[in-house]
């Protein structure tokens, strides 16, 4: 199954900006922790920050870039594996899609 149902696609499209914002909130919290970490030099915190931003930017691209129906299933599975959906948001997908994602996680 590569393409998803129309109803799942519409739901995902509506959630996409919310999920992207939620992901960015997580990144900003992580970055805040790096910047305020005591016991490290400014240079080491900068290097840690740079590595984190680079890694997270790559991950964000995989999760959110080019949201089209043909790759939505992969993105939904990846987003779900990072815990970005609320229970309510995820429960609004079709039972079929929920089962596919559950099998992927298992």
PDB file of N, CA and C in Angstrom:
ATOM      1  N   UNK A   1       0.850  -1.185   0.000  1.00  0.00           N
ATOM      2  CA  UNK A   1       0.000   0.000   0.000  1.00  0.00           C
ATOM      3  C   UNK A   1       0.888   1.238   0.000  1.00  0.00           C
ATOM      4  N   UNK A   2       0.896   1.940  -1.081  1.00  0.00           N
ATOM      5  CA  UNK A   2       1.719   3.134  -1.163  1.00  0.00           C
ATOM      6  C   UNK A   2       0.885   4.391  -0.941  1.00  0.00           C
ATOM      7  N   UNK A   3      -0.214   4.504  -1.668  1.00  0.00           N
ATOM      8  CA  UNK A   3      -1.109   5.637  -1.483  1.00  0.00           C
ATOM      9  C   UNK A   3      -2.073   5.349  -0.338  1.00  0.00           C
ATOM     10  N   UNK A   4      -2.542   6.414   0.262  1.00  0.00           N
ATOM     11  CA  UNK A   4      -3.472   6.267   1.374  1.00  0.00           C
ATOM     12  C   UNK A   4      -4.853   6.740   0.935  1.00  0.00           C
ATOM     13  N   UNK A   5      -5.848   6.421   1.735  1.00  0.00           N
ATOM     14  CA  UNK A   5      -7.214   6.828   1.438  1.00  0.00           C
ATOM     15  C   UNK A   5      -7.308   8.351   1.361  1.00  0.00           C
ATOM     16  N   UNK A   6      -8.279   8.800   0.604  1.00  0.00           N
ATOM     17  CA  UNK A   6      -8.507  10.243   0.459  1.00  0.00           C
ATOM     18  C   UNK A   6      -8.775  10.903   1.814  1.00  0.00           C
ATOM     19  N   UNK A   7      -9.559  10.257   2.647  1.00  0.00           N
ATOM     20  CA  UNK A   7      -9.881  10.836   3.961  1.00  0.00           C
ATOM     21  C   UNK A   7      -8.625  10.941   4.838  1.00  0.00           C
ATOM     22  N   UNK A   8      -7.759   9.940   4.775  1.00  0.00           N
ATOM     23  CA  UNK A   8      -6.501   9.984   5.536  1.00  0.00           C
ATOM     24  C   UNK A   8      -5.582  11.073   4.992  1.00  0.00           C
ATOM     25  N   UNK A   9      -5.549  11.206   3.676  1.00  0.00           N
ATOM     26  CA  UNK A   9      -4.718  12.226   3.043  1.00  0.00           C
ATOM     27  C   UNK A   9      -5.178  13.627   3.467  1.00  0.00           C
ATOM     28  N   UNK A  10      -6.479  13.865   3.457  1.00  0.00           N
ATOM     29  CA  UNK A  10      -7.006  15.170   3.861  1.00  0.00           C
ATOM     30  C   UNK A  10      -6.687  15.454   5.328  1.00  0.00           C
ATOM     31  N   UNK A  11      -6.845  14.442   6.157  1.00  0.00           N
ATOM     32  CA  UNK A  11      -6.547  14.612   7.590  1.00  0.00           C
ATOM     33  C   UNK A  11      -5.062  14.924   7.783  1.00  0.00           C
ATOM     34  N   UNK A  12      -4.212  14.202   7.101  1.00  0.00           N
ATOM     35  CA  UNK A  12      -2.768  14.447   7.201  1.00  0.00           C
ATOM     36  C   UNK A  12      -2.416  15.850   6.698  1.00  0.00           C
ATOM     37  N   UNK A  13      -2.978  16.240   5.577  1.00  0.00           N
ATOM     38  CA  UNK A  13      -2.713  17.580   5.040  1.00  0.00           C
ATOM     39  C   UNK A  13      -3.109  18.669   6.030  1.00  0.00           C
ATOM     40  N   UNK A  14      -4.233  18.483   6.713  1.00  0.00           N
ATOM     41  CA  UNK A  14      -4.674  19.458   7.709  1.00  0.00           C
ATOM     42  C   UNK A  14      -3.752  19.484   8.922  1.00  0.00           C
ATOM     43  N   UNK A  15      -3.230  18.321   9.295  1.00  0.00           N
ATOM     44  CA  UNK A  15      -2.346  18.227  10.461  1.00  0.00           C
ATOM     45  C   UNK A  15      -0.914  18.650  10.168  1.00  0.00           C
ATOM     46  N   UNK A  16      -0.515  18.605   8.927  1.00  0.00           N
ATOM     47  CA  UNK A  16       0.884  18.836   8.559  1.00  0.00           C
ATOM     48  C   UNK A  16       1.478  20.092   9.203  1.00  0.00           C
ATOM     49  N   UNK A  17       0.846  21.275   9.082  1.00  0.00           N
ATOM     50  CA  UNK A  17       1.452  22.466   9.700  1.00  0.00           C
ATOM     51  C   UNK A  17       1.489  22.392  11.228  1.00  0.00           C
ATOM     52  N   UNK A  18       0.532  21.728  11.817  1.00  0.00           N
ATOM     53  CA  UNK A  18       0.492  21.574  13.280  1.00  0.00           C
ATOM     54  C   UNK A  18       1.631  20.670  13.724  1.00  0.00           C
ATOM     55  N   UNK A  19       1.827  19.583  13.012  1.00  0.00           N
ATOM     56  CA  UNK A  19       2.894  18.636  13.340  1.00  0.00           C
ATOM     57  C   UNK A  19       4.270  19.260  13.137  1.00  0.00           C
ATOM     58  N   UNK A  20       4.419  20.021  12.071  1.00  0.00           N
ATOM     59  CA  UNK A  20       5.688  20.711  11.816  1.00  0.00           C
ATOM     60  C   UNK A  20       5.992  21.691  12.951  1.00  0.00           C
ATOM     61  N   UNK A  21       4.993  22.432  13.374  1.00  0.00           N
ATOM     62  CA  UNK A  21       5.188  23.376  14.486  1.00  0.00           C
ATOM     63  C   UNK A  21       5.540  22.630  15.774  1.00  0.00           C
ATOM     64  N   UNK A  22       4.890  21.512  16.022  1.00  0.00           N
ATOM     65  CA  UNK A  22       5.174  20.707  17.213  1.00  0.00           C
ATOM     66  C   UNK A  22       6.608  20.186  17.184  1.00  0.00           C
ATOM     67  N   UNK A  23       7.043  19.761  16.008  1.00  0.00           N
ATOM     68  CA  UNK A  23       8.420  19.289  15.852  1.00  0.00           C
ATOM     69  C   UNK A  23       9.395  20.431  16.153  1.00  0.00           C
ATOM     70  N   UNK A  24       9.118  21.597  15.594  1.00  0.00           N
ATOM     71  CA  UNK A  24      10.002  22.748  15.819  1.00  0.00           C
ATOM     72  C   UNK A  24      10.033  23.142  17.296  1.00  0.00           C
ATOM     73  N   UNK A  25       8.924  23.030  17.986  1.00  0.00           N
ATOM     74  CA  UNK A  25       8.902  23.297  19.427  1.00  0.00           C
ATOM     75  C   UNK A  25       9.844  22.351  20.155  1.00  0.00           C
ATOM     76  N   UNK A  26       9.831  21.078  19.785  1.00  0.00           N
ATOM     77  CA  UNK A  26      10.734  20.109  20.401  1.00  0.00           C
ATOM     78  C   UNK A  26      12.194  20.472  20.133  1.00  0.00           C
ATOM     79  N   UNK A  27      12.480  20.873  18.913  1.00  0.00           N
ATOM     80  CA  UNK A  27      13.849  21.247  18.561  1.00  0.00           C
ATOM     81  C   UNK A  27      14.279  22.468  19.368  1.00  0.00           C
ATOM     82  N   UNK A  28      13.408  23.446  19.477  1.00  0.00           N
ATOM     83  CA  UNK A  28      13.742  24.654  20.232  1.00  0.00           C
ATOM     84  C   UNK A  28      13.979  24.351  21.709  1.00  0.00           C
ATOM     85  N   UNK A  29      13.210  23.439  22.278  1.00  0.00           N
ATOM     86  CA  UNK A  29      13.451  23.032  23.668  1.00  0.00           C
ATOM     87  C   UNK A  29      14.810  22.352  23.795  1.00  0.00           C
ATOM     88  N   UNK A  30      15.117  21.495  22.852  1.00  0.00           N
ATOM     89  CA  UNK A  30      16.407  20.804  22.863  1.00  0.00           C
ATOM     90  C   UNK A  30      17.554  21.805  22.735  1.00  0.00           C
ATOM     91  N   UNK A  31      17.399  22.749  21.849  1.00  0.00           N
ATOM     92  CA  UNK A  31      18.427  23.774  21.625  1.00  0.00           C
ATOM     93  C   UNK A  31      18.602  24.636  22.873  1.00  0.00           C
ATOM     94  N   UNK A  32      17.494  24.978  23.523  1.00  0.00           N
ATOM     95  CA  UNK A  32      17.576  25.756  24.760  1.00  0.00           C
ATOM     96  C   UNK A  32      18.384  25.040  25.819  1.00  0.00           C
ATOM     97  N   UNK A  33      18.193  23.743  25.927  1.00  0.00           N
ATOM     98  CA  UNK A  33      18.957  22.951  26.884  1.00  0.00           C
ATOM     99  C   UNK A  33      20.438  22.934  26.563  1.00  0.00           C
ATOM    100  N   UNK A  34      20.754  22.865  25.281  1.00  0.00           N
ATOM    101  CA  UNK A  34      22.161  22.861  24.865  1.00  0.00           C
ATOM    102  C   UNK A  34      22.806  24.203  25.187  1.00  0.00           C
ATOM    103  N   UNK A  35      22.101  25.276  24.888  1.00  0.00           N
ATOM    104  CA  UNK A  35      22.661  26.623  25.082  1.00  0.00           C
ATOM    105  C   UNK A  35      22.866  26.960  26.556  1.00  0.00           C
ATOM    106  N   UNK A  36      22.034  26.414  27.407  1.00  0.00           N
ATOM    107  CA  UNK A  36      22.116  26.764  28.828  1.00  0.00           C
ATOM    108  C   UNK A  36      22.880  25.734  29.656  1.00  0.00           C
ATOM    109  N   UNK A  37      23.465  24.760  29.004  1.00  0.00           N
ATOM    110  CA  UNK A  37      24.162  23.691  29.711  1.00  0.00           C
ATOM    111  C   UNK A  37      25.404  24.230  30.432  1.00  0.00           C
ATOM    112  N   UNK A  38      25.403  24.075  31.726  1.00  0.00           N
ATOM    113  CA  UNK A  38      26.543  24.533  32.533  1.00  0.00           C
ATOM    114  C   UNK A  38      27.694  23.539  32.413  1.00  0.00           C
ATOM    115  N   UNK A  39      28.890  24.032  32.620  1.00  0.00           N
ATOM    116  CA  UNK A  39      30.052  23.161  32.634  1.00  0.00           C
ATOM    117  C   UNK A  39      30.700  22.947  31.289  1.00  0.00           C
ATOM    118  N   UNK A  40      30.148  23.535  30.249  1.00  0.00           N
ATOM    119  CA  UNK A  40      30.755  23.423  28.924  1.00  0.00           C
ATOM    120  C   UNK A  40      31.155  24.812  28.462  1.00  0.00           C
ATOM    121  N   UNK A  41      32.219  24.868  27.709  1.00  0.00           N
ATOM    122  CA  UNK A  41      32.660  26.150  27.170  1.00  0.00           C
ATOM    123  C   UNK A  41      31.659  26.640  26.124  1.00  0.00           C
ATOM    124  N   UNK A  42      31.702  27.921  25.851  1.00  0.00           N
ATOM    125  CA  UNK A  42      30.832  28.487  24.819  1.00  0.00           C
ATOM    126  C   UNK A  42      31.087  27.818  23.478  1.00  0.00           C
ATOM    127  N   UNK A  43      32.332  27.543  23.203  1.00  0.00           N
ATOM    128  CA  UNK A  43      32.674  26.899  21.941  1.00  0.00           C
ATOM    129  C   UNK A  43      32.089  25.494  21.864  1.00  0.00           C
ATOM    130  N   UNK A  44      32.178  24.727  22.942  1.00  0.00           N
ATOM    131  CA  UNK A  44      31.635  23.370  22.927  1.00  0.00           C
ATOM    132  C   UNK A  44      30.115  23.391  22.797  1.00  0.00           C
ATOM    133  N   UNK A  45      29.459  24.335  23.479  1.00  0.00           N
ATOM    134  CA  UNK A  45      28.001  24.453  23.339  1.00  0.00           C
ATOM    135  C   UNK A  45      27.628  24.824  21.907  1.00  0.00           C
ATOM    136  N   UNK A  46      28.420  25.706  21.294  1.00  0.00           N
ATOM    137  CA  UNK A  46      28.179  26.070  19.903  1.00  0.00           C
ATOM    138  C   UNK A  46      28.306  24.844  19.001  1.00  0.00           C
ATOM    139  N   UNK A  47      29.352  24.065  19.189  1.00  0.00           N
ATOM    140  CA  UNK A  47      29.538  22.860  18.373  1.00  0.00           C
ATOM    141  C   UNK A  47      28.393  21.870  18.576  1.00  0.00           C
ATOM    142  N   UNK A  48      27.977  21.693  19.827  1.00  0.00           N
ATOM    143  CA  UNK A  48      26.846  20.807  20.121  1.00  0.00           C
ATOM    144  C   UNK A  48      25.570  21.320  19.456  1.00  0.00           C
ATOM    145  N   UNK A  49      25.381  22.635  19.528  1.00  0.00           N
ATOM    146  CA  UNK A  49      24.215  23.259  18.913  1.00  0.00           C
ATOM    147  C   UNK A  49      24.230  23.045  17.402  1.00  0.00           C
ATOM    148  N   UNK A  50      25.356  23.272  16.786  1.00  0.00           N
ATOM    149  CA  UNK A  50      25.487  23.115  15.339  1.00  0.00           C
ATOM    150  C   UNK A  50      25.173  21.682  14.912  1.00  0.00           C
ATOM    151  N   UNK A  51      25.729  20.719  15.616  1.00  0.00           N
ATOM    152  CA  UNK A  51      25.481  19.306  15.286  1.00  0.00           C
ATOM    153  C   UNK A  51      24.002  18.958  15.436  1.00  0.00           C
ATOM    154  N   UNK A  52      23.403  19.462  16.494  1.00  0.00           N
ATOM    155  CA  UNK A  52      21.984  19.181  16.741  1.00  0.00           C
ATOM    156  C   UNK A  52      21.111  19.790  15.656  1.00  0.00           C
ATOM    157  N   UNK A  53      21.365  21.039  15.316  1.00  0.00           N
ATOM    158  CA  UNK A  53      20.575  21.699  14.275  1.00  0.00           C
ATOM    159  C   UNK A  53      20.751  20.976  12.938  1.00  0.00           C
ATOM    160  N   UNK A  54      21.952  20.600  12.624  1.00  0.00           N
ATOM    161  CA  UNK A  54      22.217  19.889  11.374  1.00  0.00           C
ATOM    162  C   UNK A  54      21.452  18.557  11.334  1.00  0.00           C
ATOM    163  N   UNK A  55      21.510  17.809  12.427  1.00  0.00           N
ATOM    164  CA  UNK A  55      20.815  16.510  12.502  1.00  0.00           C
ATOM    165  C   UNK A  55      19.304  16.701  12.441  1.00  0.00           C
ATOM    166  N   UNK A  56      18.798  17.656  13.207  1.00  0.00           N
ATOM    167  CA  UNK A  56      17.357  17.879  13.268  1.00  0.00           C
ATOM    168  C   UNK A  56      16.820  18.448  11.958  1.00  0.00           C
ATOM    169  N   UNK A  57      17.620  19.271  11.274  1.00  0.00           N
ATOM    170  CA  UNK A  57      17.195  19.812   9.992  1.00  0.00           C
ATOM    171  C   UNK A  57      17.042  18.683   8.970  1.00  0.00           C
ATOM    172  N   UNK A  58      17.974  17.765   8.975  1.00  0.00           N
ATOM    173  CA  UNK A  58      17.890  16.606   8.077  1.00  0.00           C
ATOM    174  C   UNK A  58      16.642  15.784   8.402  1.00  0.00           C
ATOM    175  N   UNK A  59      16.426  15.546   9.683  1.00  0.00           N
ATOM    176  CA  UNK A  59      15.253  14.783  10.114  1.00  0.00           C
ATOM    177  C   UNK A  59      13.968  15.503   9.728  1.00  0.00           C
ATOM    178  N   UNK A  60      13.927  16.826   9.910  1.00  0.00           N
ATOM    179  CA  UNK A  60      12.738  17.594   9.562  1.00  0.00           C
ATOM    180  C   UNK A  60      12.429  17.457   8.077  1.00  0.00           C
ATOM    181  N   UNK A  61      13.452  17.449   7.251  1.00  0.00           N
ATOM    182  CA  UNK A  61      13.248  17.259   5.822  1.00  0.00           C
ATOM    183  C   UNK A  61      12.618  15.916   5.507  1.00  0.00           C
ATOM    184  N   UNK A  62      13.091  14.870   6.170  1.00  0.00           N
ATOM    185  CA  UNK A  62      12.531  13.539   5.948  1.00  0.00           C
ATOM    186  C   UNK A  62      11.075  13.464   6.404  1.00  0.00           C
ATOM    187  N   UNK A  63      10.775  14.121   7.503  1.00  0.00           N
ATOM    188  CA  UNK A  63       9.433  14.051   8.063  1.00  0.00           C
ATOM    189  C   UNK A  63       8.421  14.928   7.326  1.00  0.00           C
ATOM    190  N   UNK A  64       8.852  16.088   6.864  1.00  0.00           N
ATOM    191  CA  UNK A  64       7.877  17.073   6.430  1.00  0.00           C
ATOM    192  C   UNK A  64       8.023  17.606   5.007  1.00  0.00           C
ATOM    193  N   UNK A  65       9.169  17.433   4.370  1.00  0.00           N
ATOM    194  CA  UNK A  65       9.332  17.967   3.026  1.00  0.00           C
ATOM    195  C   UNK A  65       8.525  17.170   2.015  1.00  0.00           C
ATOM    196  N   UNK A  66       8.044  17.870   0.995  1.00  0.00           N
ATOM    197  CA  UNK A  66       7.355  17.249  -0.126  1.00  0.00           C
ATOM    198  C   UNK A  66       6.175  16.376   0.299  1.00  0.00           C
ATOM    199  N   UNK A  67       5.248  16.952   1.060  1.00  0.00           N
ATOM    200  CA  UNK A  67       4.104  16.148   1.504  1.00  0.00           C
ATOM    201  C   UNK A  67       3.122  15.898   0.358  1.00  0.00           C
ATOM    202  N   UNK A  68       3.251  14.758  -0.237  1.00  0.00           N
ATOM    203  CA  UNK A  68       2.308  14.374  -1.282  1.00  0.00           C
ATOM    204  C   UNK A  68       1.740  13.005  -0.936  1.00  0.00           C
ATOM    205  N   UNK A  69       0.667  12.705  -1.548  1.00  0.00           N
ATOM    206  CA  UNK A  69      -0.069  11.486  -1.195  1.00  0.00           C
ATOM    207  C   UNK A  69       0.768  10.226  -1.351  1.00  0.00           C
ATOM    208  N   UNK A  70       1.640  10.202  -2.334  1.00  0.00           N
ATOM    209  CA  UNK A  70       2.429   8.990  -2.586  1.00  0.00           C
ATOM    210  C   UNK A  70       3.477   8.728  -1.506  1.00  0.00           C
ATOM    211  N   UNK A  71       3.880   9.733  -0.750  1.00  0.00           N
ATOM    212  CA  UNK A  71       4.845   9.483   0.328  1.00  0.00           C
ATOM    213  C   UNK A  71       4.271   9.776   1.712  1.00  0.00           C
ATOM    214  N   UNK A  72       2.979  10.038   1.776  1.00  0.00           N
ATOM    215  CA  UNK A  72       2.339  10.367   3.047  1.00  0.00           C
ATOM    216  C   UNK A  72       2.410   9.211   4.047  1.00  0.00           C
ATOM    217  N   UNK A  73       2.254   7.988   3.590  1.00  0.00           N
ATOM    218  CA  UNK A  73       2.294   6.848   4.508  1.00  0.00           C
ATOM    219  C   UNK A  73       3.641   6.777   5.214  1.00  0.00           C
ATOM    220  N   UNK A  74       4.718   6.910   4.468  1.00  0.00           N
ATOM    221  CA  UNK A  74       6.051   6.905   5.075  1.00  0.00           C
ATOM    222  C   UNK A  74       6.178   8.036   6.085  1.00  0.00           C
ATOM    223  N   UNK A  75       5.733   9.232   5.718  1.00  0.00           N
ATOM    224  CA  UNK A  75       5.840  10.365   6.633  1.00  0.00           C
ATOM    225  C   UNK A  75       4.988  10.153   7.877  1.00  0.00           C
ATOM    226  N   UNK A  76       3.801   9.643   7.719  1.00  0.00           N
ATOM    227  CA  UNK A  76       2.931   9.385   8.870  1.00  0.00           C
ATOM    228  C   UNK A  76       3.588   8.377   9.812  1.00  0.00           C
ATOM    229  N   UNK A  77       4.162   7.318   9.261  1.00  0.00           N
ATOM    230  CA  UNK A  77       4.827   6.318  10.102  1.00  0.00           C
ATOM    231  C   UNK A  77       6.020   6.937  10.829  1.00  0.00           C
ATOM    232  N   UNK A  78       6.799   7.750  10.129  1.00  0.00           N
ATOM    233  CA  UNK A  78       7.971   8.378  10.746  1.00  0.00           C
ATOM    234  C   UNK A  78       7.564   9.395  11.806  1.00  0.00           C
ATOM    235  N   UNK A  79       6.556  10.187  11.518  1.00  0.00           N
ATOM    236  CA  UNK A  79       6.063  11.173  12.481  1.00  0.00           C
ATOM    237  C   UNK A  79       5.511  10.466  13.716  1.00  0.00           C
ATOM    238  N   UNK A  80       4.783   9.393  13.487  1.00  0.00           N
ATOM    239  CA  UNK A  80       4.236   8.636  14.605  1.00  0.00           C
ATOM    240  C   UNK A  80       5.333   8.025  15.467  1.00  0.00           C
ATOM    241  N   UNK A  81       6.385   7.527  14.831  1.00  0.00           N
ATOM    242  CA  UNK A  81       7.469   6.904  15.596  1.00  0.00           C
ATOM    243  C   UNK A  81       8.192   7.913  16.477  1.00  0.00           C
ATOM    244  N   UNK A  82       8.069   9.184  16.175  1.00  0.00           N
ATOM    245  CA  UNK A  82       8.674  10.236  17.001  1.00  0.00           C
ATOM    246  C   UNK A  82       7.686  10.828  17.997  1.00  0.00           C
ATOM    247  N   UNK A  83       6.494  10.251  18.059  1.00  0.00           N
ATOM    248  CA  UNK A  83       5.516  10.658  19.068  1.00  0.00           C
ATOM    249  C   UNK A  83       4.924  12.037  18.861  1.00  0.00           C
ATOM    250  N   UNK A  84       4.814  12.479  17.614  1.00  0.00           N
ATOM    251  CA  UNK A  84       4.327  13.826  17.360  1.00  0.00           C
ATOM    252  C   UNK A  84       2.809  13.932  17.263  1.00  0.00           C
ATOM    253  N   UNK A  85       2.134  12.830  17.004  1.00  0.00           N
ATOM    254  CA  UNK A  85       0.668  12.841  16.964  1.00  0.00           C
ATOM    255  C   UNK A  85       0.112  12.782  18.383  1.00  0.00           C
ATOM    256  N   UNK A  86      -0.965  13.499  18.633  1.00  0.00           N
ATOM    257  CA  UNK A  86      -1.712  13.255  19.863  1.00  0.00           C
ATOM    258  C   UNK A  86      -2.553  12.000  19.620  1.00  0.00           C
ATOM    259  N   UNK A  87      -3.034  11.408  20.675  1.00  0.00           N
ATOM    260  CA  UNK A  87      -3.887  10.229  20.549  1.00  0.00           C
ATOM    261  C   UNK A  87      -5.124  10.555  19.720  1.00  0.00           C
ATOM    262  N   UNK A  88      -5.711  11.708  19.975  1.00  0.00           N
ATOM    263  CA  UNK A  88      -6.908  12.113  19.238  1.00  0.00           C
ATOM    264  C   UNK A  88      -6.625  12.315  17.756  1.00  0.00           C
ATOM    265  N   UNK A  89      -5.520  12.975  17.440  1.00  0.00           N
ATOM    266  CA  UNK A  89      -5.167  13.195  16.034  1.00  0.00           C
ATOM    267  C   UNK A  89      -4.978  11.869  15.306  1.00  0.00           C
ATOM    268  N   UNK A  90      -4.247  10.961  15.925  1.00  0.00           N
ATOM    269  CA  UNK A  90      -3.963   9.680  15.278  1.00  0.00           C
ATOM    270  C   UNK A  90      -5.224   8.832  15.148  1.00  0.00           C
ATOM    271  N   UNK A  91      -6.110   8.915  16.131  1.00  0.00           N
ATOM    272  CA  UNK A  91      -7.328   8.094  16.099  1.00  0.00           C
ATOM    273  C   UNK A  91      -8.281   8.515  14.980  1.00  0.00           C
ATOM    274  N   UNK A  92      -8.074   9.674  14.395  1.00  0.00           N
ATOM    275  CA  UNK A  92      -8.938  10.136  13.310  1.00  0.00           C
ATOM    276  C   UNK A  92      -8.522   9.594  11.945  1.00  0.00           C
ATOM    277  N   UNK A  93      -7.405   8.887  11.886  1.00  0.00           N
ATOM    278  CA  UNK A  93      -7.048   8.190  10.653  1.00  0.00           C
ATOM    279  C   UNK A  93      -7.898   6.920  10.560  1.00  0.00           C
ATOM    280  N   UNK A  94      -8.013   6.361   9.368  1.00  0.00           N
ATOM    281  CA  UNK A  94      -8.795   5.146   9.184  1.00  0.00           C
ATOM    282  C   UNK A  94      -8.182   3.997   9.989  1.00  0.00           C
ATOM    283  N   UNK A  95      -9.010   3.033  10.293  1.00  0.00           N
ATOM    284  CA  UNK A  95      -8.550   1.854  11.028  1.00  0.00           C
ATOM    285  C   UNK A  95      -7.454   1.131  10.243  1.00  0.00           C
ATOM    286  N   UNK A  96      -7.606   1.068   8.931  1.00  0.00           N
ATOM    287  CA  UNK A  96      -6.590   0.416   8.093  1.00  0.00           C
ATOM    288  C   UNK A  96      -5.229   1.087   8.253  1.00  0.00           C
ATOM    289  N   UNK A  97      -5.197   2.402   8.172  1.00  0.00           N
ATOM    290  CA  UNK A  97      -3.933   3.114   8.283  1.00  0.00           C
ATOM    291  C   UNK A  97      -3.346   2.937   9.676  1.00  0.00           C
ATOM    292  N   UNK A  98      -4.183   3.001  10.697  1.00  0.00           N
ATOM    293  CA  UNK A  98      -3.700   2.802  12.071  1.00  0.00           C
ATOM    294  C   UNK A  98      -3.063   1.422  12.227  1.00  0.00           C
ATOM    295  N   UNK A  99      -3.670   0.412  11.620  1.00  0.00           N
ATOM    296  CA  UNK A  99      -3.121  -0.945  11.710  1.00  0.00           C
ATOM    297  C   UNK A  99      -1.796  -1.069  10.976  1.00  0.00           C
ATOM    298  N   UNK A 100      -1.684  -0.440   9.824  1.00  0.00           N
ATOM    299  CA  UNK A 100      -0.420  -0.466   9.078  1.00  0.00           C
ATOM    300  C   UNK A 100       0.684   0.182   9.907  1.00  0.00           C
ATOM    301  N   UNK A 101       0.402   1.311  10.501  1.00  0.00           N
ATOM    302  CA  UNK A 101       1.385   2.015  11.321  1.00  0.00           C
ATOM    303  C   UNK A 101       1.754   1.187  12.548  1.00  0.00           C
ATOM    304  N   UNK A 102       0.769   0.546  13.147  1.00  0.00           N
ATOM    305  CA  UNK A 102       1.031  -0.294  14.325  1.00  0.00           C
ATOM    306  C   UNK A 102       1.939  -1.475  13.951  1.00  0.00           C
ATOM    307  N   UNK A 103       1.699  -2.089  12.779  1.00  0.00           N
ATOM    308  CA  UNK A 103       2.556  -3.182  12.329  1.00  0.00           C
ATOM    309  C   UNK A 103       3.983  -2.695  12.074  1.00  0.00           C
ATOM    310  N   UNK A 104       4.110  -1.490  11.544  1.00  0.00           N
ATOM    311  CA  UNK A 104       5.424  -0.914  11.304  1.00  0.00           C
ATOM    312  C   UNK A 104       6.174  -0.709  12.624  1.00  0.00           C
ATOM    313  N   UNK A 105       5.483  -0.228  13.629  1.00  0.00           N
ATOM    314  CA  UNK A 105       6.114   0.018  14.934  1.00  0.00           C
ATOM    315  C   UNK A 105       6.449  -1.281  15.628  1.00  0.00           C
ATOM    316  N   UNK A 106       5.651  -2.308  15.404  1.00  0.00           N
ATOM    317  CA  UNK A 106       5.852  -3.593  16.071  1.00  0.00           C
ATOM    318  C   UNK A 106       6.903  -4.369  15.394  1.00  0.00           C
TER     319      UNK A 106
END
